[in-house]
Amino acid sequence: MIFAVLILSLLGLIMGALLGIAARYLAVEGNPLLKEIEGLFPGSQCGQCGYPGCNAAAEAVANGQAPVTLCPPGGKGLAETLAGKLGVSIDLSSVEEKEPRFAFVHENLCIGCTKCLKRCPTDAIIGGPRQIHGVFAEACTGCEKCFEVCPTECIEMRPIPATLQTWYWPNPAKAA
């Protein structure tokens, strides 16, 4: 019995060492530009760009398969940064700058149909079938997918209120 345990332990150590050596010498290097671009994206995984997450969107931008203006939450700032990093020219006239917003459910209108639950990419909506829903505001990315499918129009997109943690000094107005 002890002999079998020792043999299995020794076999496990040898296989672990071989896997560690193989991982070091057979590793495939990734695209460093892809990692930089991925770090620039907001990371909300909202899917507003048409890709399942920020990683897929960053890969499409790095490979030249998608425009640098594809991320609505990133806005003009992200588009300009991506264009500078990739060395491409962009037209920012189609990019609209929106303030961060979150979904709010009016409970008196909600019928509990769960259409919004199925569309939320971050599971920010709380509730169940035939129950009144609510939104966990800290998890909501403001993608408006729940807003689009609500049959009773009980979901409202509200601006995120300023708190001590999120407030910042506004930019000074330019003198004319």
N, C-alpha and C. Protein backbone atom coordinates (compact mmCIF):
# COMPACT_ATOMS: atom_id res chain seq x y z
N MET A 1 0.83 -1.19 0.00
CA MET A 1 0.00 0.00 0.00
C MET A 1 0.87 1.25 0.00
N ILE A 2 1.85 1.30 0.87
CA ILE A 2 2.74 2.46 0.94
C ILE A 2 3.57 2.56 -0.34
N PHE A 3 3.97 1.40 -0.86
CA PHE A 3 4.76 1.39 -2.09
C PHE A 3 3.96 2.00 -3.26
N ALA A 4 2.67 1.69 -3.33
CA ALA A 4 1.81 2.22 -4.41
C ALA A 4 1.65 3.74 -4.27
N VAL A 5 1.49 4.24 -3.03
CA VAL A 5 1.35 5.67 -2.81
C VAL A 5 2.64 6.39 -3.20
N LEU A 6 3.80 5.81 -2.85
CA LEU A 6 5.08 6.42 -3.21
C LEU A 6 5.28 6.46 -4.73
N ILE A 7 4.91 5.39 -5.41
CA ILE A 7 5.06 5.35 -6.88
C ILE A 7 4.15 6.40 -7.53
N LEU A 8 2.90 6.50 -7.07
CA LEU A 8 2.00 7.49 -7.64
C LEU A 8 2.47 8.91 -7.34
N SER A 9 3.00 9.16 -6.15
CA SER A 9 3.52 10.48 -5.82
C SER A 9 4.72 10.82 -6.70
N LEU A 10 5.63 9.86 -6.86
CA LEU A 10 6.81 10.08 -7.70
C LEU A 10 6.39 10.32 -9.15
N LEU A 11 5.42 9.56 -9.62
CA LEU A 11 4.93 9.73 -10.99
C LEU A 11 4.29 11.12 -11.15
N GLY A 12 3.55 11.58 -10.15
CA GLY A 12 2.95 12.90 -10.20
C GLY A 12 3.99 14.00 -10.23
N LEU A 13 5.05 13.87 -9.43
CA LEU A 13 6.14 14.86 -9.43
C LEU A 13 6.86 14.90 -10.78
N ILE A 14 7.11 13.75 -11.34
CA ILE A 14 7.81 13.71 -12.64
C ILE A 14 6.95 14.33 -13.73
N MET A 15 5.67 13.98 -13.77
CA MET A 15 4.77 14.54 -14.79
C MET A 15 4.60 16.05 -14.60
N GLY A 16 4.49 16.50 -13.36
CA GLY A 16 4.39 17.93 -13.10
C GLY A 16 5.62 18.68 -13.56
N ALA A 17 6.80 18.12 -13.31
CA ALA A 17 8.04 18.75 -13.76
C ALA A 17 8.10 18.79 -15.28
N LEU A 18 7.70 17.72 -15.93
CA LEU A 18 7.70 17.69 -17.40
C LEU A 18 6.72 18.71 -17.98
N LEU A 19 5.56 18.85 -17.37
CA LEU A 19 4.60 19.85 -17.84
C LEU A 19 5.13 21.26 -17.63
N GLY A 20 5.79 21.51 -16.52
CA GLY A 20 6.38 22.83 -16.26
C GLY A 20 7.46 23.17 -17.27
N ILE A 21 8.30 22.20 -17.60
CA ILE A 21 9.36 22.43 -18.59
C ILE A 21 8.74 22.66 -19.98
N ALA A 22 7.73 21.87 -20.32
CA ALA A 22 7.07 22.03 -21.63
C ALA A 22 6.37 23.39 -21.73
N ALA A 23 5.77 23.84 -20.66
CA ALA A 23 5.09 25.14 -20.68
C ALA A 23 6.08 26.26 -20.89
N ARG A 24 7.27 26.13 -20.37
CA ARG A 24 8.28 27.18 -20.53
C ARG A 24 8.87 27.19 -21.93
N TYR A 25 9.22 26.03 -22.46
CA TYR A 25 9.93 25.98 -23.74
C TYR A 25 9.02 25.91 -24.96
N LEU A 26 7.80 25.49 -24.78
CA LEU A 26 6.88 25.37 -25.91
C LEU A 26 5.81 26.47 -25.91
N ALA A 27 5.98 27.49 -25.10
CA ALA A 27 5.00 28.58 -25.02
C ALA A 27 4.95 29.37 -26.32
N VAL A 28 3.75 29.77 -26.71
CA VAL A 28 3.54 30.56 -27.91
C VAL A 28 3.37 32.01 -27.48
N GLU A 29 4.20 32.88 -28.01
CA GLU A 29 4.12 34.29 -27.67
C GLU A 29 2.92 34.92 -28.36
N GLY A 30 2.17 35.73 -27.63
CA GLY A 30 1.02 36.42 -28.19
C GLY A 30 1.43 37.73 -28.83
N ASN A 31 0.48 38.39 -29.43
CA ASN A 31 0.71 39.67 -30.06
C ASN A 31 0.76 40.75 -28.97
N PRO A 32 1.90 41.43 -28.78
CA PRO A 32 1.96 42.44 -27.72
C PRO A 32 1.03 43.64 -27.99
N LEU A 33 0.78 43.94 -29.25
CA LEU A 33 -0.14 45.03 -29.59
C LEU A 33 -1.56 44.68 -29.13
N LEU A 34 -1.93 43.42 -29.23
CA LEU A 34 -3.25 42.98 -28.81
C LEU A 34 -3.43 43.21 -27.31
N LYS A 35 -2.41 42.93 -26.52
CA LYS A 35 -2.49 43.14 -25.06
C LYS A 35 -2.63 44.63 -24.74
N GLU A 36 -1.92 45.49 -25.46
CA GLU A 36 -2.02 46.93 -25.23
C GLU A 36 -3.42 47.45 -25.57
N ILE A 37 -3.93 47.01 -26.72
CA ILE A 37 -5.26 47.45 -27.15
C ILE A 37 -6.33 46.93 -26.19
N GLU A 38 -6.18 45.70 -25.75
CA GLU A 38 -7.12 45.11 -24.80
C GLU A 38 -7.14 45.90 -23.49
N GLY A 39 -6.00 46.42 -23.08
CA GLY A 39 -5.93 47.21 -21.86
C GLY A 39 -6.59 48.58 -21.99
N LEU A 40 -6.73 49.08 -23.21
CA LEU A 40 -7.36 50.38 -23.42
C LEU A 40 -8.88 50.32 -23.35
N PHE A 41 -9.45 49.17 -23.70
CA PHE A 41 -10.91 49.02 -23.69
C PHE A 41 -11.43 49.09 -22.26
N PRO A 42 -12.70 49.52 -22.07
CA PRO A 42 -13.23 49.69 -20.72
C PRO A 42 -13.37 48.40 -19.92
N GLY A 43 -13.51 47.26 -20.59
CA GLY A 43 -13.60 46.00 -19.88
C GLY A 43 -14.98 45.71 -19.31
N SER A 44 -16.01 46.39 -19.80
CA SER A 44 -17.36 46.18 -19.27
C SER A 44 -18.04 44.96 -19.88
N GLN A 45 -17.51 44.41 -20.97
CA GLN A 45 -18.05 43.22 -21.63
C GLN A 45 -19.53 43.38 -21.98
N CYS A 46 -19.92 44.58 -22.38
CA CYS A 46 -21.34 44.88 -22.60
C CYS A 46 -21.85 44.39 -23.95
N GLY A 47 -21.01 44.25 -24.94
CA GLY A 47 -21.44 43.77 -26.25
C GLY A 47 -22.05 44.82 -27.14
N GLN A 48 -21.98 46.10 -26.78
CA GLN A 48 -22.56 47.16 -27.61
C GLN A 48 -21.85 47.28 -28.95
N CYS A 49 -20.63 46.80 -29.04
CA CYS A 49 -19.85 46.90 -30.27
C CYS A 49 -20.19 45.80 -31.27
N GLY A 50 -20.94 44.80 -30.82
CA GLY A 50 -21.28 43.69 -31.70
C GLY A 50 -20.41 42.47 -31.48
N TYR A 51 -19.45 42.55 -30.59
CA TYR A 51 -18.59 41.43 -30.25
C TYR A 51 -18.97 40.94 -28.85
N PRO A 52 -18.71 39.66 -28.55
CA PRO A 52 -19.16 39.12 -27.26
C PRO A 52 -18.45 39.70 -26.05
N GLY A 53 -17.38 40.42 -26.22
CA GLY A 53 -16.68 41.02 -25.09
C GLY A 53 -15.55 41.91 -25.57
N CYS A 54 -14.90 42.56 -24.63
CA CYS A 54 -13.83 43.49 -24.99
C CYS A 54 -12.61 42.77 -25.57
N ASN A 55 -12.37 41.53 -25.17
CA ASN A 55 -11.23 40.79 -25.71
C ASN A 55 -11.41 40.53 -27.21
N ALA A 56 -12.60 40.09 -27.60
CA ALA A 56 -12.87 39.82 -29.02
C ALA A 56 -12.84 41.11 -29.82
N ALA A 57 -13.35 42.20 -29.25
CA ALA A 57 -13.34 43.49 -29.95
C ALA A 57 -11.90 43.99 -30.13
N ALA A 58 -11.08 43.83 -29.10
CA ALA A 58 -9.69 44.25 -29.21
C ALA A 58 -8.94 43.44 -30.25
N GLU A 59 -9.24 42.15 -30.34
CA GLU A 59 -8.60 41.30 -31.35
C GLU A 59 -9.01 41.73 -32.75
N ALA A 60 -10.29 42.07 -32.94
CA ALA A 60 -10.76 42.51 -34.25
C ALA A 60 -10.13 43.84 -34.64
N VAL A 61 -9.96 44.76 -33.69
CA VAL A 61 -9.33 46.05 -33.98
C VAL A 61 -7.86 45.85 -34.30
N ALA A 62 -7.18 44.99 -33.54
CA ALA A 62 -5.75 44.75 -33.76
C ALA A 62 -5.49 44.10 -35.12
N ASN A 63 -6.42 43.25 -35.57
CA ASN A 63 -6.26 42.58 -36.87
C ASN A 63 -6.77 43.41 -38.03
N GLY A 64 -7.35 44.60 -37.74
CA GLY A 64 -7.86 45.46 -38.80
C GLY A 64 -9.22 45.05 -39.34
N GLN A 65 -9.94 44.17 -38.62
CA GLN A 65 -11.24 43.71 -39.07
C GLN A 65 -12.39 44.60 -38.59
N ALA A 66 -12.10 45.51 -37.67
CA ALA A 66 -13.13 46.39 -37.13
C ALA A 66 -12.57 47.80 -37.04
N PRO A 67 -13.44 48.82 -37.14
CA PRO A 67 -12.96 50.20 -37.03
C PRO A 67 -12.61 50.53 -35.58
N VAL A 68 -11.80 51.54 -35.39
CA VAL A 68 -11.39 51.94 -34.04
C VAL A 68 -12.51 52.67 -33.31
N THR A 69 -13.60 52.99 -34.01
CA THR A 69 -14.73 53.70 -33.39
C THR A 69 -15.83 52.74 -32.94
N LEU A 70 -15.54 51.46 -32.78
CA LEU A 70 -16.60 50.49 -32.50
C LEU A 70 -17.09 50.48 -31.06
N CYS A 71 -16.40 51.06 -30.10
CA CYS A 71 -16.78 50.96 -28.69
C CYS A 71 -17.57 52.18 -28.22
N PRO A 72 -18.91 52.08 -28.09
CA PRO A 72 -19.70 53.22 -27.62
C PRO A 72 -19.34 53.69 -26.20
N PRO A 73 -19.10 52.79 -25.23
CA PRO A 73 -18.74 53.29 -23.90
C PRO A 73 -17.39 54.01 -23.87
N GLY A 74 -16.48 53.63 -24.75
CA GLY A 74 -15.17 54.27 -24.80
C GLY A 74 -15.22 55.67 -25.36
N GLY A 75 -16.15 55.92 -26.28
CA GLY A 75 -16.35 57.24 -26.85
C GLY A 75 -15.21 57.71 -27.74
N LYS A 76 -15.16 59.03 -27.88
CA LYS A 76 -14.15 59.64 -28.76
C LYS A 76 -12.74 59.48 -28.20
N GLY A 77 -12.61 59.51 -26.89
CA GLY A 77 -11.29 59.38 -26.28
C GLY A 77 -10.63 58.06 -26.62
N LEU A 78 -11.37 56.97 -26.51
CA LEU A 78 -10.83 55.65 -26.84
C LEU A 78 -10.53 55.55 -28.33
N ALA A 79 -11.43 56.09 -29.17
CA ALA A 79 -11.21 56.03 -30.62
C ALA A 79 -9.94 56.78 -31.01
N GLU A 80 -9.70 57.94 -30.41
CA GLU A 80 -8.49 58.71 -30.71
C GLU A 80 -7.24 57.98 -30.24
N THR A 81 -7.30 57.38 -29.07
CA THR A 81 -6.15 56.64 -28.54
C THR A 81 -5.84 55.43 -29.41
N LEU A 82 -6.87 54.69 -29.82
CA LEU A 82 -6.67 53.52 -30.68
C LEU A 82 -6.11 53.94 -32.04
N ALA A 83 -6.63 55.04 -32.59
CA ALA A 83 -6.14 55.51 -33.89
C ALA A 83 -4.67 55.91 -33.79
N GLY A 84 -4.29 56.57 -32.71
CA GLY A 84 -2.89 56.94 -32.52
C GLY A 84 -1.99 55.73 -32.36
N LYS A 85 -2.46 54.71 -31.65
CA LYS A 85 -1.67 53.51 -31.43
C LYS A 85 -1.50 52.71 -32.72
N LEU A 86 -2.57 52.65 -33.54
CA LEU A 86 -2.53 51.87 -34.77
C LEU A 86 -2.05 52.68 -35.98
N GLY A 87 -1.99 54.00 -35.85
CA GLY A 87 -1.54 54.84 -36.95
C GLY A 87 -2.54 54.94 -38.08
N VAL A 88 -3.82 54.99 -37.75
CA VAL A 88 -4.86 55.12 -38.77
C VAL A 88 -5.57 56.45 -38.59
N SER A 89 -6.19 56.93 -39.67
CA SER A 89 -6.97 58.17 -39.57
C SER A 89 -8.42 57.79 -39.31
N ILE A 90 -9.12 58.66 -38.57
CA ILE A 90 -10.50 58.36 -38.21
C ILE A 90 -11.39 59.57 -38.44
N ASP A 91 -12.67 59.28 -38.60
CA ASP A 91 -13.69 60.32 -38.70
C ASP A 91 -14.57 60.21 -37.45
N LEU A 92 -14.49 61.18 -36.57
CA LEU A 92 -15.21 61.13 -35.31
C LEU A 92 -16.60 61.74 -35.38
N SER A 93 -17.07 62.07 -36.57
CA SER A 93 -18.39 62.69 -36.68
C SER A 93 -19.51 61.70 -36.34
N SER A 94 -19.29 60.41 -36.54
CA SER A 94 -20.34 59.42 -36.25
C SER A 94 -20.30 58.95 -34.79
N VAL A 95 -19.26 59.29 -34.06
CA VAL A 95 -19.13 58.85 -32.67
C VAL A 95 -19.81 59.86 -31.77
N GLU A 96 -20.82 59.39 -31.04
CA GLU A 96 -21.51 60.29 -30.12
C GLU A 96 -20.98 60.07 -28.71
N GLU A 97 -20.77 61.14 -28.02
CA GLU A 97 -20.27 61.10 -26.65
C GLU A 97 -21.46 61.10 -25.71
N LYS A 98 -21.64 59.99 -24.98
CA LYS A 98 -22.76 59.87 -24.06
C LYS A 98 -22.24 59.78 -22.64
N GLU A 99 -22.99 60.37 -21.73
CA GLU A 99 -22.60 60.28 -20.33
C GLU A 99 -22.93 58.87 -19.81
N PRO A 100 -22.19 58.39 -18.83
CA PRO A 100 -22.48 57.06 -18.28
C PRO A 100 -23.88 57.02 -17.67
N ARG A 101 -24.61 55.95 -17.98
CA ARG A 101 -25.97 55.81 -17.48
C ARG A 101 -26.18 54.40 -16.97
N PHE A 102 -27.23 54.22 -16.19
CA PHE A 102 -27.60 52.90 -15.71
C PHE A 102 -29.11 52.73 -15.84
N ALA A 103 -29.54 51.49 -15.86
CA ALA A 103 -30.96 51.19 -16.01
C ALA A 103 -31.67 51.30 -14.66
N PHE A 104 -32.89 51.80 -14.69
CA PHE A 104 -33.73 51.89 -13.51
C PHE A 104 -35.09 51.32 -13.87
N VAL A 105 -35.62 50.42 -13.04
CA VAL A 105 -36.91 49.78 -13.31
C VAL A 105 -37.98 50.45 -12.46
N HIS A 106 -39.05 50.91 -13.11
CA HIS A 106 -40.22 51.44 -12.40
C HIS A 106 -41.07 50.23 -12.00
N GLU A 107 -41.09 49.93 -10.70
CA GLU A 107 -41.75 48.72 -10.23
C GLU A 107 -43.25 48.70 -10.49
N ASN A 108 -43.87 49.86 -10.51
CA ASN A 108 -45.32 49.89 -10.71
C ASN A 108 -45.72 49.52 -12.14
N LEU A 109 -44.78 49.53 -13.08
CA LEU A 109 -45.08 49.16 -14.47
C LEU A 109 -44.55 47.78 -14.85
N CYS A 110 -43.64 47.22 -14.04
CA CYS A 110 -43.00 45.95 -14.38
C CYS A 110 -43.98 44.79 -14.22
N ILE A 111 -44.04 43.92 -15.23
CA ILE A 111 -44.95 42.77 -15.18
C ILE A 111 -44.18 41.46 -14.94
N GLY A 112 -42.85 41.53 -14.86
CA GLY A 112 -42.05 40.33 -14.58
C GLY A 112 -41.92 39.39 -15.75
N CYS A 113 -41.82 39.91 -16.96
CA CYS A 113 -41.77 39.06 -18.15
C CYS A 113 -40.40 38.41 -18.37
N THR A 114 -39.35 38.87 -17.73
CA THR A 114 -37.96 38.37 -17.78
C THR A 114 -37.26 38.58 -19.13
N LYS A 115 -37.83 39.38 -20.02
CA LYS A 115 -37.14 39.65 -21.28
C LYS A 115 -35.85 40.43 -21.03
N CYS A 116 -35.88 41.33 -20.05
CA CYS A 116 -34.69 42.11 -19.73
C CYS A 116 -33.62 41.25 -19.07
N LEU A 117 -34.05 40.27 -18.26
CA LEU A 117 -33.09 39.38 -17.61
C LEU A 117 -32.25 38.61 -18.62
N LYS A 118 -32.90 38.18 -19.69
CA LYS A 118 -32.23 37.38 -20.71
C LYS A 118 -31.25 38.19 -21.53
N ARG A 119 -31.47 39.49 -21.67
CA ARG A 119 -30.63 40.32 -22.51
C ARG A 119 -29.46 40.97 -21.77
N CYS A 120 -29.49 41.03 -20.44
CA CYS A 120 -28.46 41.73 -19.67
C CYS A 120 -27.15 40.95 -19.68
N PRO A 121 -26.07 41.53 -20.25
CA PRO A 121 -24.80 40.80 -20.33
C PRO A 121 -24.06 40.70 -19.00
N THR A 122 -24.41 41.53 -18.03
CA THR A 122 -23.68 41.52 -16.76
C THR A 122 -24.51 41.00 -15.60
N ASP A 123 -25.70 40.47 -15.86
CA ASP A 123 -26.61 39.97 -14.81
C ASP A 123 -26.87 41.02 -13.74
N ALA A 124 -27.07 42.26 -14.16
CA ALA A 124 -27.32 43.35 -13.23
C ALA A 124 -28.79 43.45 -12.83
N ILE A 125 -29.65 42.72 -13.51
CA ILE A 125 -31.08 42.79 -13.22
C ILE A 125 -31.44 41.69 -12.23
N ILE A 126 -32.14 42.09 -11.19
CA ILE A 126 -32.52 41.18 -10.12
C ILE A 126 -34.01 40.90 -10.23
N GLY A 127 -34.40 39.64 -10.11
CA GLY A 127 -35.80 39.27 -10.15
C GLY A 127 -35.98 37.91 -10.78
N GLY A 128 -37.20 37.51 -10.95
CA GLY A 128 -37.50 36.22 -11.54
C GLY A 128 -38.79 36.29 -12.33
N PRO A 129 -39.22 35.16 -12.89
CA PRO A 129 -40.46 35.14 -13.66
C PRO A 129 -41.65 35.58 -12.80
N ARG A 130 -42.49 36.45 -13.35
CA ARG A 130 -43.68 36.97 -12.70
C ARG A 130 -43.37 37.65 -11.36
N GLN A 131 -42.18 38.24 -11.27
CA GLN A 131 -41.80 39.02 -10.10
C GLN A 131 -41.32 40.39 -10.57
N ILE A 132 -41.45 41.37 -9.72
CA ILE A 132 -40.98 42.71 -10.05
C ILE A 132 -39.46 42.70 -10.07
N HIS A 133 -38.89 43.34 -11.06
CA HIS A 133 -37.43 43.36 -11.21
C HIS A 133 -36.83 44.64 -10.65
N GLY A 134 -35.55 44.56 -10.40
CA GLY A 134 -34.77 45.70 -9.98
C GLY A 134 -33.41 45.64 -10.65
N VAL A 135 -32.63 46.70 -10.53
CA VAL A 135 -31.32 46.74 -11.17
C VAL A 135 -30.25 47.00 -10.12
N PHE A 136 -29.22 46.19 -10.14
CA PHE A 136 -28.05 46.39 -9.29
C PHE A 136 -27.18 47.40 -10.03
N ALA A 137 -27.29 48.67 -9.64
CA ALA A 137 -26.70 49.78 -10.40
C ALA A 137 -25.18 49.66 -10.55
N GLU A 138 -24.50 49.10 -9.57
CA GLU A 138 -23.04 48.99 -9.64
C GLU A 138 -22.60 48.00 -10.73
N ALA A 139 -23.46 47.05 -11.08
CA ALA A 139 -23.11 46.07 -12.11
C ALA A 139 -23.61 46.47 -13.49
N CYS A 140 -24.48 47.45 -13.58
CA CYS A 140 -25.05 47.86 -14.86
C CYS A 140 -24.03 48.66 -15.66
N THR A 141 -23.87 48.29 -16.94
CA THR A 141 -22.92 48.99 -17.81
C THR A 141 -23.59 50.04 -18.68
N GLY A 142 -24.91 50.13 -18.64
CA GLY A 142 -25.63 51.11 -19.44
C GLY A 142 -25.70 50.76 -20.91
N CYS A 143 -25.72 49.48 -21.23
CA CYS A 143 -25.71 49.06 -22.63
C CYS A 143 -27.06 49.24 -23.32
N GLU A 144 -28.12 49.46 -22.58
CA GLU A 144 -29.47 49.70 -23.08
C GLU A 144 -30.12 48.48 -23.75
N LYS A 145 -29.57 47.29 -23.57
CA LYS A 145 -30.18 46.10 -24.17
C LYS A 145 -31.50 45.76 -23.49
N CYS A 146 -31.58 45.98 -22.17
CA CYS A 146 -32.83 45.71 -21.46
C CYS A 146 -33.87 46.77 -21.82
N PHE A 147 -33.44 47.97 -22.03
CA PHE A 147 -34.32 49.09 -22.37
C PHE A 147 -35.02 48.82 -23.70
N GLU A 148 -34.29 48.22 -24.64
CA GLU A 148 -34.84 47.97 -25.98
C GLU A 148 -35.93 46.91 -25.99
N VAL A 149 -35.83 45.89 -25.12
CA VAL A 149 -36.76 44.76 -25.19
C VAL A 149 -37.92 44.83 -24.22
N CYS A 150 -37.95 45.82 -23.35
CA CYS A 150 -39.01 45.89 -22.34
C CYS A 150 -40.35 46.20 -23.00
N PRO A 151 -41.34 45.31 -22.87
CA PRO A 151 -42.63 45.54 -23.54
C PRO A 151 -43.49 46.61 -22.85
N THR A 152 -43.27 46.87 -21.58
CA THR A 152 -44.09 47.84 -20.86
C THR A 152 -43.38 49.18 -20.70
N GLU A 153 -42.21 49.31 -21.23
CA GLU A 153 -41.40 50.53 -21.14
C GLU A 153 -41.22 50.99 -19.70
N CYS A 154 -40.97 50.03 -18.82
CA CYS A 154 -40.79 50.37 -17.41
C CYS A 154 -39.33 50.62 -17.08
N ILE A 155 -38.42 50.43 -18.02
CA ILE A 155 -37.00 50.65 -17.79
C ILE A 155 -36.62 52.02 -18.32
N GLU A 156 -35.95 52.77 -17.47
CA GLU A 156 -35.50 54.11 -17.81
C GLU A 156 -33.98 54.16 -17.65
N MET A 157 -33.31 54.81 -18.59
CA MET A 157 -31.86 54.97 -18.50
C MET A 157 -31.59 56.31 -17.81
N ARG A 158 -30.98 56.24 -16.63
CA ARG A 158 -30.71 57.43 -15.83
C ARG A 158 -29.21 57.71 -15.79
N PRO A 159 -28.83 58.98 -15.71
CA PRO A 159 -27.39 59.29 -15.56
C PRO A 159 -26.91 58.87 -14.17
N ILE A 160 -25.67 58.47 -14.10
CA ILE A 160 -25.10 58.06 -12.82
C ILE A 160 -24.90 59.31 -11.97
N PRO A 161 -25.48 59.34 -10.78
CA PRO A 161 -25.34 60.54 -9.94
C PRO A 161 -23.92 60.67 -9.41
N ALA A 162 -23.49 61.91 -9.27
CA ALA A 162 -22.14 62.16 -8.76
C ALA A 162 -22.11 61.92 -7.25
N THR A 163 -21.11 61.18 -6.81
CA THR A 163 -20.88 60.95 -5.39
C THR A 163 -19.49 61.47 -5.06
N LEU A 164 -19.12 61.38 -3.82
CA LEU A 164 -17.77 61.82 -3.45
C LEU A 164 -16.69 61.00 -4.14
N GLN A 165 -16.98 59.74 -4.45
CA GLN A 165 -16.00 58.89 -5.11
C GLN A 165 -15.92 59.13 -6.61
N THR A 166 -16.98 59.63 -7.23
CA THR A 166 -16.98 59.79 -8.69
C THR A 166 -16.94 61.23 -9.16
N TRP A 167 -17.06 62.20 -8.27
CA TRP A 167 -17.09 63.60 -8.68
C TRP A 167 -15.70 64.06 -9.07
N TYR A 168 -15.61 64.92 -10.07
CA TYR A 168 -14.33 65.50 -10.50
C TYR A 168 -14.57 66.95 -10.90
N TRP A 169 -13.47 67.71 -10.88
CA TRP A 169 -13.56 69.11 -11.28
C TRP A 169 -13.85 69.18 -12.77
N PRO A 170 -14.84 69.98 -13.18
CA PRO A 170 -15.09 70.12 -14.63
C PRO A 170 -13.98 70.92 -15.30
N ASN A 171 -13.82 70.68 -16.60
CA ASN A 171 -12.83 71.44 -17.35
C ASN A 171 -13.23 72.91 -17.39
N PRO A 172 -12.27 73.82 -17.30
CA PRO A 172 -12.63 75.24 -17.37
C PRO A 172 -13.13 75.61 -18.76
N ALA A 173 -14.04 76.56 -18.80
CA ALA A 173 -14.59 77.02 -20.07
C ALA A 173 -13.53 77.84 -20.80
N LYS A 174 -13.46 77.67 -22.11
CA LYS A 174 -12.50 78.40 -22.93
C LYS A 174 -12.98 79.84 -23.12
N ALA A 175 -12.06 80.77 -22.97
CA ALA A 175 -12.40 82.18 -23.19
C ALA A 175 -12.59 82.46 -24.66
N ALA A 176 -13.62 83.20 -24.98
CA ALA A 176 -13.91 83.49 -26.40
C ALA A 176 -13.17 84.71 -26.89
